[in-house]
Protein backbone atom coordinates (compact mmCIF):
# COMPACT_ATOMS: atom_id res chain seq x y z
CA MET A 1 -19.32 -2.64 -13.73
CA ALA A 2 -22.95 -3.66 -14.73
CA ASP A 3 -23.51 -7.48 -14.63
CA LEU A 4 -23.77 -8.64 -17.97
CA THR A 5 -25.50 -12.11 -17.26
CA PRO A 6 -28.21 -13.05 -19.08
CA PRO A 7 -31.40 -12.19 -16.86
CA ARG A 8 -32.77 -16.42 -17.03
CA LEU A 9 -29.36 -17.49 -15.29
CA ILE A 10 -29.33 -14.69 -12.41
CA HIS A 11 -32.20 -17.12 -10.90
CA GLY A 12 -31.30 -20.16 -12.26
CA LYS A 13 -31.71 -21.95 -8.66
CA THR A 14 -34.51 -20.04 -7.65
CA LEU A 15 -36.30 -21.08 -11.14
CA ALA A 16 -35.35 -24.97 -10.97
CA ARG A 17 -36.27 -24.66 -7.41
CA SER A 18 -39.88 -23.36 -7.79
CA ARG A 19 -40.62 -25.70 -10.39
CA THR A 20 -39.61 -28.62 -8.31
CA LEU A 21 -41.89 -26.92 -5.66
CA ARG A 22 -44.77 -26.95 -8.02
CA ARG A 23 -44.59 -30.47 -8.88
CA ASN A 24 -44.48 -31.40 -5.01
CA SER A 25 -47.30 -29.42 -4.05
CA THR A 26 -49.15 -29.73 -0.60
CA ASP A 27 -53.07 -30.37 -0.54
CA PRO A 28 -53.59 -26.98 0.36
CA GLU A 29 -51.68 -25.75 -2.02
CA ARG A 30 -53.36 -27.88 -4.87
CA ARG A 31 -56.81 -26.91 -3.34
CA LEU A 32 -56.19 -23.24 -3.64
CA TRP A 33 -54.72 -23.74 -6.98
CA SER A 34 -57.81 -25.28 -8.29
CA GLU A 35 -59.67 -21.86 -7.10
CA LEU A 36 -57.07 -19.56 -8.67
CA ARG A 37 -56.49 -21.42 -12.06
CA ASP A 38 -57.22 -20.74 -15.60
CA ARG A 39 -58.34 -16.97 -14.71
CA THR A 40 -61.49 -18.53 -12.55
CA LEU A 41 -61.18 -16.06 -9.66
CA LEU A 42 -63.00 -12.88 -11.56
CA GLY A 43 -60.44 -12.91 -14.64
CA TRP A 44 -57.57 -12.38 -11.86
CA LYS A 45 -54.42 -14.34 -13.32
CA PHE A 46 -52.35 -15.98 -11.06
CA ARG A 47 -48.92 -18.17 -10.70
CA ARG A 48 -47.80 -20.49 -8.41
CA GLN A 49 -44.59 -20.88 -6.93
CA PHE A 50 -43.32 -17.67 -8.48
CA PRO A 51 -39.97 -16.55 -8.05
CA ILE A 52 -39.83 -13.01 -6.23
CA GLY A 53 -36.44 -12.37 -6.13
CA ASP A 54 -34.70 -14.62 -4.13
CA TYR A 55 -37.94 -15.76 -2.68
CA ILE A 56 -40.39 -18.36 -4.23
CA VAL A 57 -43.94 -17.12 -3.30
CA ASP A 58 -46.90 -19.87 -3.06
CA PHE A 59 -49.20 -18.00 -5.38
CA CYS A 60 -48.77 -14.69 -7.05
CA CYS A 61 -51.69 -12.12 -9.38
CA VAL A 62 -48.58 -9.79 -10.92
CA LYS A 63 -51.30 -7.15 -12.41
CA GLY A 64 -52.97 -6.90 -8.90
CA ARG A 65 -49.75 -7.22 -7.14
CA LEU A 66 -50.53 -9.55 -4.57
CA VAL A 67 -48.73 -12.29 -2.90
CA VAL A 68 -51.06 -15.31 -1.31
CA GLU A 69 -48.87 -17.80 0.96
CA LEU A 70 -49.75 -20.36 2.55
CA ASP A 71 -48.67 -21.47 6.18
CA GLY A 72 -48.46 -24.58 8.40
CA GLU A 73 -47.95 -25.87 11.47
CA GLN A 74 -43.84 -25.21 10.69
CA HIS A 75 -44.79 -21.20 10.19
CA ALA A 76 -46.18 -21.25 13.89
CA GLU A 77 -42.98 -20.28 15.84
CA GLN A 78 -39.88 -21.05 13.97
CA GLN A 79 -40.44 -19.30 10.89
CA ARG A 80 -42.06 -15.97 12.53
CA LYS A 81 -38.67 -14.03 12.01
CA TYR A 82 -38.16 -15.37 8.45
CA ASP A 83 -41.14 -14.57 7.28
CA VAL A 84 -41.54 -11.24 8.56
CA GLN A 85 -38.36 -10.04 6.88
CA ARG A 86 -39.41 -12.46 3.33
CA THR A 87 -42.51 -10.22 3.85
CA LYS A 88 -40.96 -7.00 4.27
CA GLU A 89 -38.75 -7.89 1.06
CA ILE A 90 -41.41 -8.96 -1.29
CA GLU A 91 -43.70 -5.43 -0.27
CA ARG A 92 -40.67 -3.55 -0.86
CA ARG A 93 -40.89 -4.97 -4.70
CA GLY A 94 -44.45 -3.54 -4.90
CA PHE A 95 -46.38 -6.58 -3.39
CA LYS A 96 -48.88 -6.94 -0.69
CA VAL A 97 -48.60 -10.03 1.12
CA VAL A 98 -51.65 -12.13 2.41
CA ARG A 99 -51.55 -15.01 4.42
CA PHE A 100 -53.80 -18.14 5.18
CA TRP A 101 -53.03 -20.95 7.77
CA ASN A 102 -53.45 -24.47 5.82
CA HIS A 103 -56.63 -25.35 7.70
CA GLN A 104 -58.34 -22.43 6.50
CA VAL A 105 -58.12 -23.94 2.93
CA LEU A 106 -59.23 -26.70 3.57
CA GLU A 107 -61.79 -25.78 5.71
CA ASN A 108 -62.77 -22.72 4.32
CA ILE A 109 -62.35 -22.20 0.50
CA GLU A 110 -64.84 -20.15 -0.57
CA GLY A 111 -63.71 -17.37 2.74
CA VAL A 112 -60.11 -17.87 1.42
CA ALA A 113 -60.98 -17.05 -2.03
CA GLU A 114 -63.53 -13.99 -0.89
CA GLU A 115 -60.27 -12.27 1.15
CA ILE A 116 -58.11 -12.83 -2.00
CA ILE A 117 -60.90 -11.07 -4.14
CA LEU A 118 -61.36 -7.94 -1.54
CA GLN A 119 -57.36 -7.65 -1.34
CA LEU A 120 -57.68 -7.35 -5.13
CA GLU A 121 -60.29 -4.94 -5.40
CA GLU A 122 -58.60 -3.08 -2.34
CA GLY A 123 -55.34 -2.99 -4.57
CA ARG A 124 -57.12 -1.87 -7.47
CA GLU A 125 -59.02 1.04 -5.89
CA LYS A 126 -55.84 2.30 -4.37
CA LYS A 127 -54.38 2.57 -8.22
CA GLU A 128 -57.61 4.55 -9.09
């Protein structure tokens, strides 16, 4: 039997959580968002705290099928297994996941932006 629940209610908790995360961004998230918002990165549109299935990704370029995740110290050991599973599920949905450490964003935002551009261009070339 088909699920007749309206789509906006299927992930209602996920959507509410993404809004909360947007309001409570970390310093590295705010810094990277300032580089990605308003199509400032070569015209690519990004969304922040974007739901994909049951997960909320830090940044997503839907058209470029690219997810950008920022990791802090909590991701070093405890989160590794969870992150691997999460990445597999997001990739199963057709997205490429690229990860940066928080300190990379704070210390070398230009390098992070260049790497994101490279990943988007690689994805574009594979489509063509």
